[in-house]
Amino acid sequence: MKKIGILLLVVIVFCTLALCGCGKKNDDSNATKIVVNKVGTMATAKLLANSVEVEKEKLPLELQYIADLGADQGVKISLTSEVYTKTKASNEEFDNLHDYNFLFTDVNEEGTKTALVKVCKDGTPLRDYFFQADEIESKIKGTSVVLFSYRNKYVARFSMDYAKYDVETTDFSEAEMLAFVESLIK
């Protein structure tokens, strides 16, 4: 009788642990949960900025890896640049480094496939259009990412380390865009 009581107690404890998930490692911080927000309305804006081409070696060390991405999605780096704004509207010169831009392209018989990565250390990367859509976050490699789709474009926004990232792809499949964004996230 005593053995049955102990066995019953062990079964009850085991079932309780199994049901509540105790003892089970459930670390999904790096899991990928994807929600692509559909853009309903898009508006354009005029930017007052100046872009200057820069060699990869002159970029900050922590950003140089970006120029080496894209091979898995069939694009390669075609331009790296710095984008400058004016610290005061009355200034003649564009004297404030705002963004770093990386343009990836692939021209083939089907058209031109592009990816533009913008990185901004102070503020939000400059964009010449804006849209209205839900902003449900996705998780990619444990990083919160907001994804949008509009016609043949995907846009991804996220923050990592010390900067904000804005990624725009054209003529990428959803899987290619996700793989490209994942390759950016360290």
Foldseek 3Di string as FASTA:
>chain_A
DVVVVVVVVVVVVVVVCVVVVPPPDDDCLQPWFDDAWEFDDKDFADDAKDKDFDDLVPDPPVCSVLQVDDVVQPWHWDTKIWIFQPPDPPDPDRDHGFWIKTKIWDQDPVGIKIKIKIKGLPDEGDDRMDTDTDFDWIHHRNWTWTWYDDDQKIWIWGDDDRIIMIMIIGNGDPVSVSVSVNVVHD
